[in-house]
PDB file of N, CA and C in Angstrom:
ATOM      1  N   UNK A   1       0.811  -1.397   0.040  1.00  0.00           N
ATOM      2  CA  UNK A   1      -0.050   0.006   0.039  1.00  0.00           C
ATOM      3  C   UNK A   1       1.027   1.101   0.022  1.00  0.00           C
ATOM      4  N   UNK A   2       2.010   1.268   0.852  1.00  0.00           N
ATOM      5  CA  UNK A   2       2.752   2.446   0.995  1.00  0.00           C
ATOM      6  C   UNK A   2       3.600   2.615  -0.435  1.00  0.00           C
ATOM      7  N   UNK A   3       3.759   1.570  -1.275  1.00  0.00           N
ATOM      8  CA  UNK A   3       4.332   1.808  -2.475  1.00  0.00           C
ATOM      9  C   UNK A   3       3.466   2.370  -3.471  1.00  0.00           C
ATOM     10  N   UNK A   4       2.209   2.556  -3.289  1.00  0.00           N
ATOM     11  CA  UNK A   4       1.208   3.140  -4.323  1.00  0.00           C
ATOM     12  C   UNK A   4       1.106   4.567  -3.843  1.00  0.00           C
ATOM     13  N   UNK A   5       1.082   4.697  -2.558  1.00  0.00           N
ATOM     14  CA  UNK A   5       0.570   6.151  -1.962  1.00  0.00           C
ATOM     15  C   UNK A   5       1.913   7.061  -2.189  1.00  0.00           C
ATOM     16  N   UNK A   6       2.892   6.455  -1.976  1.00  0.00           N
ATOM     17  CA  UNK A   6       4.042   7.505  -1.921  1.00  0.00           C
ATOM     18  C   UNK A   6       4.338   8.031  -3.610  1.00  0.00           C
ATOM     19  N   UNK A   7       4.154   7.426  -4.506  1.00  0.00           N
ATOM     20  CA  UNK A   7       4.398   7.869  -5.849  1.00  0.00           C
ATOM     21  C   UNK A   7       3.233   8.637  -6.150  1.00  0.00           C
ATOM     22  N   UNK A   8       1.967   8.423  -5.766  1.00  0.00           N
ATOM     23  CA  UNK A   8       0.805   9.258  -6.071  1.00  0.00           C
ATOM     24  C   UNK A   8       1.024  10.500  -5.180  1.00  0.00           C
ATOM     25  N   UNK A   9       1.303  10.458  -4.036  1.00  0.00           N
ATOM     26  CA  UNK A   9       1.743  11.929  -3.413  1.00  0.00           C
ATOM     27  C   UNK A   9       2.762  12.679  -4.301  1.00  0.00           C
ATOM     28  N   UNK A  10       3.730  12.249  -4.725  1.00  0.00           N
ATOM     29  CA  UNK A  10       4.834  13.069  -5.518  1.00  0.00           C
ATOM     30  C   UNK A  10       4.048  13.449  -6.716  1.00  0.00           C
ATOM     31  N   UNK A  11       3.267  12.865  -7.346  1.00  0.00           N
ATOM     32  CA  UNK A  11       2.777  13.256  -8.460  1.00  0.00           C
ATOM     33  C   UNK A  11       1.877  14.495  -8.209  1.00  0.00           C
ATOM     34  N   UNK A  12       0.939  14.358  -7.247  1.00  0.00           N
ATOM     35  CA  UNK A  12       0.020  15.117  -6.786  1.00  0.00           C
ATOM     36  C   UNK A  12       0.629  16.772  -6.554  1.00  0.00           C
ATOM     37  N   UNK A  13       1.566  16.259  -5.711  1.00  0.00           N
ATOM     38  CA  UNK A  13       2.535  17.719  -5.396  1.00  0.00           C
ATOM     39  C   UNK A  13       3.105  18.261  -6.604  1.00  0.00           C
ATOM     40  N   UNK A  14       3.676  17.503  -7.583  1.00  0.00           N
ATOM     41  CA  UNK A  14       4.230  18.210  -8.786  1.00  0.00           C
ATOM     42  C   UNK A  14       3.479  18.891  -9.597  1.00  0.00           C
ATOM     43  N   UNK A  15       1.961  18.235  -9.747  1.00  0.00           N
ATOM     44  CA  UNK A  15       0.896  19.053 -10.461  1.00  0.00           C
ATOM     45  C   UNK A  15       0.342  20.180  -9.485  1.00  0.00           C
ATOM     46  N   UNK A  16       0.307  20.073  -8.408  1.00  0.00           N
ATOM     47  CA  UNK A  16      -0.076  21.445  -7.851  1.00  0.00           C
ATOM     48  C   UNK A  16       0.896  22.457  -7.735  1.00  0.00           C
ATOM     49  N   UNK A  17       2.092  22.285  -7.414  1.00  0.00           N
ATOM     50  CA  UNK A  17       3.216  23.299  -7.271  1.00  0.00           C
ATOM     51  C   UNK A  17       3.540  24.069  -8.476  1.00  0.00           C
ATOM     52  N   UNK A  18       3.369  23.373  -9.589  1.00  0.00           N
ATOM     53  CA  UNK A  18       4.188  23.965 -10.871  1.00  0.00           C
ATOM     54  C   UNK A  18       3.381  25.329 -11.319  1.00  0.00           C
ATOM     55  N   UNK A  19       2.118  25.454 -11.055  1.00  0.00           N
ATOM     56  CA  UNK A  19       1.346  26.765 -11.528  1.00  0.00           C
ATOM     57  C   UNK A  19       1.388  27.686 -10.340  1.00  0.00           C
ATOM     58  N   UNK A  20       1.650  28.817 -10.648  1.00  0.00           N
ATOM     59  CA  UNK A  20       1.179  30.178  -9.828  1.00  0.00           C
ATOM     60  C   UNK A  20       1.359  31.524 -10.552  1.00  0.00           C
ATOM     61  N   UNK A  21       1.190  32.617  -9.792  1.00  0.00           N
ATOM     62  CA  UNK A  21       1.149  33.909 -10.411  1.00  0.00           C
ATOM     63  C   UNK A  21       2.432  34.403 -10.855  1.00  0.00           C
ATOM     64  N   UNK A  22       2.684  35.146 -12.018  1.00  0.00           N
ATOM     65  CA  UNK A  22       3.718  35.535 -12.499  1.00  0.00           C
ATOM     66  C   UNK A  22       3.617  37.000 -12.875  1.00  0.00           C
ATOM     67  N   UNK A  23       4.373  37.971 -12.656  1.00  0.00           N
ATOM     68  CA  UNK A  23       4.587  39.391 -13.164  1.00  0.00           C
ATOM     69  C   UNK A  23       5.635  39.708 -13.917  1.00  0.00           C
ATOM     70  N   UNK A  24       5.120  40.212 -15.244  1.00  0.00           N
ATOM     71  CA  UNK A  24       6.212  40.760 -16.049  1.00  0.00           C
ATOM     72  C   UNK A  24       6.265  42.314 -15.871  1.00  0.00           C
ATOM     73  N   UNK A  25       7.188  42.817 -15.353  1.00  0.00           N
ATOM     74  CA  UNK A  25       7.649  44.187 -14.886  1.00  0.00           C
ATOM     75  C   UNK A  25       8.436  44.751 -15.962  1.00  0.00           C
ATOM     76  N   UNK A  26       8.125  45.860 -16.725  1.00  0.00           N
ATOM     77  CA  UNK A  26       9.096  46.538 -17.630  1.00  0.00           C
ATOM     78  C   UNK A  26       8.970  48.082 -17.174  1.00  0.00           C
ATOM     79  N   UNK A  27      10.414  48.475 -17.416  1.00  0.00           N
ATOM     80  CA  UNK A  27      10.507  50.028 -17.257  1.00  0.00           C
ATOM     81  C   UNK A  27      11.112  50.463 -18.807  1.00  0.00           C
ATOM     82  N   UNK A  28      10.430  51.389 -19.277  1.00  0.00           N
ATOM     83  CA  UNK A  28      10.722  52.049 -20.597  1.00  0.00           C
ATOM     84  C   UNK A  28      11.371  53.276 -20.436  1.00  0.00           C
ATOM     85  N   UNK A  29      12.511  53.444 -21.291  1.00  0.00           N
ATOM     86  CA  UNK A  29      13.193  54.772 -21.334  1.00  0.00           C
ATOM     87  C   UNK A  29      13.618  55.236 -22.369  1.00  0.00           C
ATOM     88  N   UNK A  30      13.161  56.390 -23.077  1.00  0.00           N
ATOM     89  CA  UNK A  30      13.458  57.017 -24.235  1.00  0.00           C
ATOM     90  C   UNK A  30      14.332  58.028 -24.022  1.00  0.00           C
ATOM     91  N   UNK A  31      15.506  58.233 -24.668  1.00  0.00           N
ATOM     92  CA  UNK A  31      16.331  59.141 -24.217  1.00  0.00           C
ATOM     93  C   UNK A  31      16.888  59.881 -25.657  1.00  0.00           C
ATOM     94  N   UNK A  32      16.224  61.115 -25.708  1.00  0.00           N
ATOM     95  CA  UNK A  32      16.661  61.964 -27.089  1.00  0.00           C
ATOM     96  C   UNK A  32      17.878  62.801 -26.746  1.00  0.00           C
ATOM     97  N   UNK A  33      19.007  63.081 -27.695  1.00  0.00           N
ATOM     98  CA  UNK A  33      19.971  63.967 -27.620  1.00  0.00           C
ATOM     99  C   UNK A  33      20.163  64.616 -28.693  1.00  0.00           C
ATOM    100  N   UNK A  34      20.143  65.712 -28.637  1.00  0.00           N
ATOM    101  CA  UNK A  34      20.393  66.941 -29.717  1.00  0.00           C
ATOM    102  C   UNK A  34      21.195  68.160 -29.424  1.00  0.00           C
ATOM    103  N   UNK A  35      22.346  67.959 -30.195  1.00  0.00           N
ATOM    104  CA  UNK A  35      23.209  69.280 -29.802  1.00  0.00           C
ATOM    105  C   UNK A  35      23.611  68.918 -28.575  1.00  0.00           C
ATOM    106  N   UNK A  36      24.126  67.977 -27.851  1.00  0.00           N
ATOM    107  CA  UNK A  36      24.555  67.554 -26.864  1.00  0.00           C
ATOM    108  C   UNK A  36      23.779  67.788 -25.582  1.00  0.00           C
ATOM    109  N   UNK A  37      22.335  68.032 -25.742  1.00  0.00           N
ATOM    110  CA  UNK A  37      21.470  68.152 -24.799  1.00  0.00           C
ATOM    111  C   UNK A  37      20.507  67.073 -24.795  1.00  0.00           C
ATOM    112  N   UNK A  38      20.400  66.114 -23.662  1.00  0.00           N
ATOM    113  CA  UNK A  38      19.469  65.124 -23.706  1.00  0.00           C
ATOM    114  C   UNK A  38      18.076  65.485 -22.716  1.00  0.00           C
ATOM    115  N   UNK A  39      17.138  64.843 -23.215  1.00  0.00           N
ATOM    116  CA  UNK A  39      16.102  64.497 -22.527  1.00  0.00           C
ATOM    117  C   UNK A  39      15.658  63.190 -22.441  1.00  0.00           C
ATOM    118  N   UNK A  40      14.941  62.735 -21.390  1.00  0.00           N
ATOM    119  CA  UNK A  40      14.680  61.465 -21.239  1.00  0.00           C
ATOM    120  C   UNK A  40      13.177  61.367 -20.663  1.00  0.00           C
ATOM    121  N   UNK A  41      12.244  60.106 -21.234  1.00  0.00           N
ATOM    122  CA  UNK A  41      11.016  59.875 -20.590  1.00  0.00           C
ATOM    123  C   UNK A  41      11.235  58.458 -20.101  1.00  0.00           C
ATOM    124  N   UNK A  42      10.385  58.265 -18.927  1.00  0.00           N
ATOM    125  CA  UNK A  42      10.302  56.914 -18.324  1.00  0.00           C
ATOM    126  C   UNK A  42       9.021  56.522 -17.998  1.00  0.00           C
ATOM    127  N   UNK A  43       8.647  55.277 -18.433  1.00  0.00           N
ATOM    128  CA  UNK A  43       7.288  54.874 -18.004  1.00  0.00           C
ATOM    129  C   UNK A  43       7.616  53.273 -17.591  1.00  0.00           C
ATOM    130  N   UNK A  44       6.436  52.706 -17.021  1.00  0.00           N
ATOM    131  CA  UNK A  44       6.721  51.505 -16.317  1.00  0.00           C
ATOM    132  C   UNK A  44       5.215  50.700 -16.916  1.00  0.00           C
ATOM    133  N   UNK A  45       5.326  49.347 -16.806  1.00  0.00           N
ATOM    134  CA  UNK A  45       4.168  48.567 -17.015  1.00  0.00           C
ATOM    135  C   UNK A  45       4.318  47.226 -16.243  1.00  0.00           C
ATOM    136  N   UNK A  46       3.309  46.664 -15.858  1.00  0.00           N
ATOM    137  CA  UNK A  46       3.074  45.354 -15.128  1.00  0.00           C
ATOM    138  C   UNK A  46       2.045  44.649 -15.695  1.00  0.00           C
ATOM    139  N   UNK A  47       2.304  43.383 -16.154  1.00  0.00           N
ATOM    140  CA  UNK A  47       1.055  42.457 -16.723  1.00  0.00           C
ATOM    141  C   UNK A  47       1.432  41.080 -15.764  1.00  0.00           C
ATOM    142  N   UNK A  48       0.119  40.755 -15.066  1.00  0.00           N
ATOM    143  CA  UNK A  48       0.061  39.576 -14.258  1.00  0.00           C
ATOM    144  C   UNK A  48      -0.404  38.499 -15.125  1.00  0.00           C
ATOM    145  N   UNK A  49       0.081  37.238 -14.956  1.00  0.00           N
ATOM    146  CA  UNK A  49      -0.402  36.225 -15.266  1.00  0.00           C
ATOM    147  C   UNK A  49      -0.707  35.102 -14.006  1.00  0.00           C
ATOM    148  N   UNK A  50      -1.801  34.669 -14.027  1.00  0.00           N
ATOM    149  CA  UNK A  50      -2.372  34.001 -13.180  1.00  0.00           C
ATOM    150  C   UNK A  50      -2.498  32.515 -13.369  1.00  0.00           C
ATOM    151  N   UNK A  51      -2.016  31.587 -12.391  1.00  0.00           N
ATOM    152  CA  UNK A  51      -2.177  30.186 -12.422  1.00  0.00           C
ATOM    153  C   UNK A  51      -1.447  29.586 -13.858  1.00  0.00           C
ATOM    154  N   UNK A  52      -0.157  30.089 -14.160  1.00  0.00           N
ATOM    155  CA  UNK A  52       0.317  29.581 -15.244  1.00  0.00           C
ATOM    156  C   UNK A  52       1.846  29.025 -14.672  1.00  0.00           C
ATOM    157  N   UNK A  53       2.372  28.145 -15.745  1.00  0.00           N
ATOM    158  CA  UNK A  53       3.771  27.869 -15.225  1.00  0.00           C
ATOM    159  C   UNK A  53       4.890  28.729 -15.809  1.00  0.00           C
ATOM    160  N   UNK A  54       5.861  28.745 -14.826  1.00  0.00           N
ATOM    161  CA  UNK A  54       7.097  29.586 -15.476  1.00  0.00           C
ATOM    162  C   UNK A  54       7.503  29.854 -17.002  1.00  0.00           C
ATOM    163  N   UNK A  55       7.515  28.472 -17.442  1.00  0.00           N
ATOM    164  CA  UNK A  55       7.847  27.992 -18.842  1.00  0.00           C
ATOM    165  C   UNK A  55       6.888  28.791 -19.792  1.00  0.00           C
ATOM    166  N   UNK A  56       5.786  28.713 -19.551  1.00  0.00           N
ATOM    167  CA  UNK A  56       4.835  29.772 -20.124  1.00  0.00           C
ATOM    168  C   UNK A  56       5.341  30.929 -20.294  1.00  0.00           C
ATOM    169  N   UNK A  57       5.449  31.848 -19.223  1.00  0.00           N
ATOM    170  CA  UNK A  57       5.951  33.054 -19.114  1.00  0.00           C
ATOM    171  C   UNK A  57       7.205  33.363 -19.901  1.00  0.00           C
ATOM    172  N   UNK A  58       8.173  32.469 -19.683  1.00  0.00           N
ATOM    173  CA  UNK A  58       9.507  32.738 -20.370  1.00  0.00           C
ATOM    174  C   UNK A  58       9.423  32.392 -21.837  1.00  0.00           C
ATOM    175  N   UNK A  59       8.567  31.494 -22.351  1.00  0.00           N
ATOM    176  CA  UNK A  59       8.584  30.939 -23.846  1.00  0.00           C
ATOM    177  C   UNK A  59       7.601  31.739 -24.652  1.00  0.00           C
ATOM    178  N   UNK A  60       6.382  31.905 -23.906  1.00  0.00           N
ATOM    179  CA  UNK A  60       5.260  32.466 -24.787  1.00  0.00           C
ATOM    180  C   UNK A  60       5.216  34.050 -24.712  1.00  0.00           C
ATOM    181  N   UNK A  61       5.294  34.368 -23.695  1.00  0.00           N
ATOM    182  CA  UNK A  61       5.237  36.035 -23.071  1.00  0.00           C
ATOM    183  C   UNK A  61       6.414  36.688 -23.646  1.00  0.00           C
ATOM    184  N   UNK A  62       6.386  37.953 -24.264  1.00  0.00           N
ATOM    185  CA  UNK A  62       7.436  38.765 -24.621  1.00  0.00           C
ATOM    186  C   UNK A  62       7.948  39.385 -23.695  1.00  0.00           C
ATOM    187  N   UNK A  63       8.509  38.979 -22.231  1.00  0.00           N
ATOM    188  CA  UNK A  63       8.827  39.886 -21.461  1.00  0.00           C
ATOM    189  C   UNK A  63      10.417  39.666 -21.288  1.00  0.00           C
ATOM    190  N   UNK A  64      11.068  40.462 -21.963  1.00  0.00           N
ATOM    191  CA  UNK A  64      12.555  40.484 -22.297  1.00  0.00           C
ATOM    192  C   UNK A  64      12.837  41.983 -22.307  1.00  0.00           C
ATOM    193  N   UNK A  65      14.219  42.339 -22.199  1.00  0.00           N
ATOM    194  CA  UNK A  65      14.982  43.609 -22.133  1.00  0.00           C
ATOM    195  C   UNK A  65      15.351  43.806 -23.657  1.00  0.00           C
ATOM    196  N   UNK A  66      15.187  44.779 -24.050  1.00  0.00           N
ATOM    197  CA  UNK A  66      15.629  45.368 -25.249  1.00  0.00           C
ATOM    198  C   UNK A  66      16.428  46.759 -25.155  1.00  0.00           C
ATOM    199  N   UNK A  67      17.056  46.972 -26.586  1.00  0.00           N
ATOM    200  CA  UNK A  67      17.630  48.601 -26.798  1.00  0.00           C
ATOM    201  C   UNK A  67      17.782  48.544 -27.846  1.00  0.00           C
ATOM    202  N   UNK A  68      17.548  49.809 -28.411  1.00  0.00           N
ATOM    203  CA  UNK A  68      17.625  50.144 -29.975  1.00  0.00           C
ATOM    204  C   UNK A  68      17.854  51.892 -29.936  1.00  0.00           C
ATOM    205  N   UNK A  69      18.566  52.005 -30.974  1.00  0.00           N
ATOM    206  CA  UNK A  69      18.593  53.586 -31.332  1.00  0.00           C
ATOM    207  C   UNK A  69      18.467  53.881 -32.533  1.00  0.00           C
ATOM    208  N   UNK A  70      18.228  55.090 -33.088  1.00  0.00           N
ATOM    209  CA  UNK A  70      18.559  55.617 -34.281  1.00  0.00           C
ATOM    210  C   UNK A  70      18.598  57.096 -34.405  1.00  0.00           C
ATOM    211  N   UNK A  71      19.287  57.602 -35.521  1.00  0.00           N
ATOM    212  CA  UNK A  71      19.641  59.027 -35.600  1.00  0.00           C
ATOM    213  C   UNK A  71      18.768  59.469 -36.851  1.00  0.00           C
ATOM    214  N   UNK A  72      18.471  60.728 -36.637  1.00  0.00           N
ATOM    215  CA  UNK A  72      17.666  61.389 -37.868  1.00  0.00           C
ATOM    216  C   UNK A  72      18.041  62.899 -37.860  1.00  0.00           C
ATOM    217  N   UNK A  73      18.056  63.644 -38.821  1.00  0.00           N
ATOM    218  CA  UNK A  73      18.322  65.168 -38.988  1.00  0.00           C
ATOM    219  C   UNK A  73      16.887  65.917 -38.720  1.00  0.00           C
ATOM    220  N   UNK A  74      17.075  66.718 -37.843  1.00  0.00           N
ATOM    221  CA  UNK A  74      15.889  67.512 -37.481  1.00  0.00           C
ATOM    222  C   UNK A  74      15.548  68.786 -38.443  1.00  0.00           C
ATOM    223  N   UNK A  75      14.558  69.328 -38.233  1.00  0.00           N
ATOM    224  CA  UNK A  75      14.193  70.387 -39.287  1.00  0.00           C
ATOM    225  C   UNK A  75      15.219  71.594 -39.107  1.00  0.00           C
ATOM    226  N   UNK A  76      15.968  71.724 -38.145  1.00  0.00           N
ATOM    227  CA  UNK A  76      17.038  72.775 -37.999  1.00  0.00           C
ATOM    228  C   UNK A  76      18.481  72.406 -38.520  1.00  0.00           C
ATOM    229  N   UNK A  77      18.485  71.023 -38.903  1.00  0.00           N
ATOM    230  CA  UNK A  77      19.653  70.639 -39.699  1.00  0.00           C
ATOM    231  C   UNK A  77      20.479  69.889 -38.624  1.00  0.00           C
ATOM    232  N   UNK A  78      20.123  69.873 -37.308  1.00  0.00           N
ATOM    233  CA  UNK A  78      20.982  69.085 -36.379  1.00  0.00           C
ATOM    234  C   UNK A  78      20.563  67.566 -36.278  1.00  0.00           C
ATOM    235  N   UNK A  79      21.733  66.795 -35.788  1.00  0.00           N
ATOM    236  CA  UNK A  79      21.467  65.542 -35.632  1.00  0.00           C
ATOM    237  C   UNK A  79      20.831  65.084 -34.337  1.00  0.00           C
ATOM    238  N   UNK A  80      19.770  64.307 -34.536  1.00  0.00           N
ATOM    239  CA  UNK A  80      19.026  63.749 -33.243  1.00  0.00           C
ATOM    240  C   UNK A  80      19.480  62.274 -32.961  1.00  0.00           C
ATOM    241  N   UNK A  81      19.709  61.887 -32.021  1.00  0.00           N
ATOM    242  CA  UNK A  81      19.765  60.536 -31.596  1.00  0.00           C
ATOM    243  C   UNK A  81      18.833  60.075 -30.451  1.00  0.00           C
ATOM    244  N   UNK A  82      18.136  58.981 -30.895  1.00  0.00           N
ATOM    245  CA  UNK A  82      16.908  58.601 -29.908  1.00  0.00           C
ATOM    246  C   UNK A  82      17.371  57.272 -29.710  1.00  0.00           C
ATOM    247  N   UNK A  83      17.486  56.727 -28.200  1.00  0.00           N
ATOM    248  CA  UNK A  83      17.758  55.461 -27.861  1.00  0.00           C
ATOM    249  C   UNK A  83      16.563  55.008 -26.798  1.00  0.00           C
ATOM    250  N   UNK A  84      16.161  53.844 -27.146  1.00  0.00           N
ATOM    251  CA  UNK A  84      14.874  53.346 -26.727  1.00  0.00           C
ATOM    252  C   UNK A  84      15.473  52.095 -25.721  1.00  0.00           C
ATOM    253  N   UNK A  85      15.024  51.928 -24.366  1.00  0.00           N
ATOM    254  CA  UNK A  85      15.693  51.039 -23.592  1.00  0.00           C
ATOM    255  C   UNK A  85      14.313  50.361 -22.997  1.00  0.00           C
ATOM    256  N   UNK A  86      14.192  48.972 -22.826  1.00  0.00           N
ATOM    257  CA  UNK A  86      13.161  48.421 -22.171  1.00  0.00           C
ATOM    258  C   UNK A  86      13.747  47.313 -21.291  1.00  0.00           C
ATOM    259  N   UNK A  87      13.627  47.586 -19.924  1.00  0.00           N
ATOM    260  CA  UNK A  87      14.471  46.785 -18.846  1.00  0.00           C
ATOM    261  C   UNK A  87      13.238  45.923 -18.446  1.00  0.00           C
ATOM    262  N   UNK A  88      13.315  44.554 -18.667  1.00  0.00           N
ATOM    263  CA  UNK A  88      11.969  43.828 -18.140  1.00  0.00           C
ATOM    264  C   UNK A  88      12.547  42.528 -17.387  1.00  0.00           C
ATOM    265  N   UNK A  89      11.528  42.261 -16.324  1.00  0.00           N
ATOM    266  CA  UNK A  89      11.958  40.958 -15.487  1.00  0.00           C
ATOM    267  C   UNK A  89      10.613  40.344 -15.244  1.00  0.00           C
ATOM    268  N   UNK A  90      10.843  38.890 -14.903  1.00  0.00           N
ATOM    269  CA  UNK A  90       9.817  38.101 -14.541  1.00  0.00           C
ATOM    270  C   UNK A  90       9.766  38.067 -12.880  1.00  0.00           C
ATOM    271  N   UNK A  91       8.735  38.378 -12.274  1.00  0.00           N
ATOM    272  CA  UNK A  91       8.940  38.229 -10.678  1.00  0.00           C
ATOM    273  C   UNK A  91       7.855  36.944 -10.386  1.00  0.00           C
TER     274      UNK A  91
END
């Protein structure tokens, strides 16, 4: 009898403990530089996923950090550099 109860207990624990709530938290920063002067804007977002496995959040949800930048010429003729950063984590 013990040989049957022990494996069933392990299977039940593994099924119950795998799913929980996860939060994808991101901080977005946009920095614009023109003629040596920089301005920045920051925003944040949080998305909560309930009763899911961590592998779902890591594989299916786009919760990752990114960075990109580009340069353009403004109407005054000066060069403007824009840098976009997203710092994201799964909690």
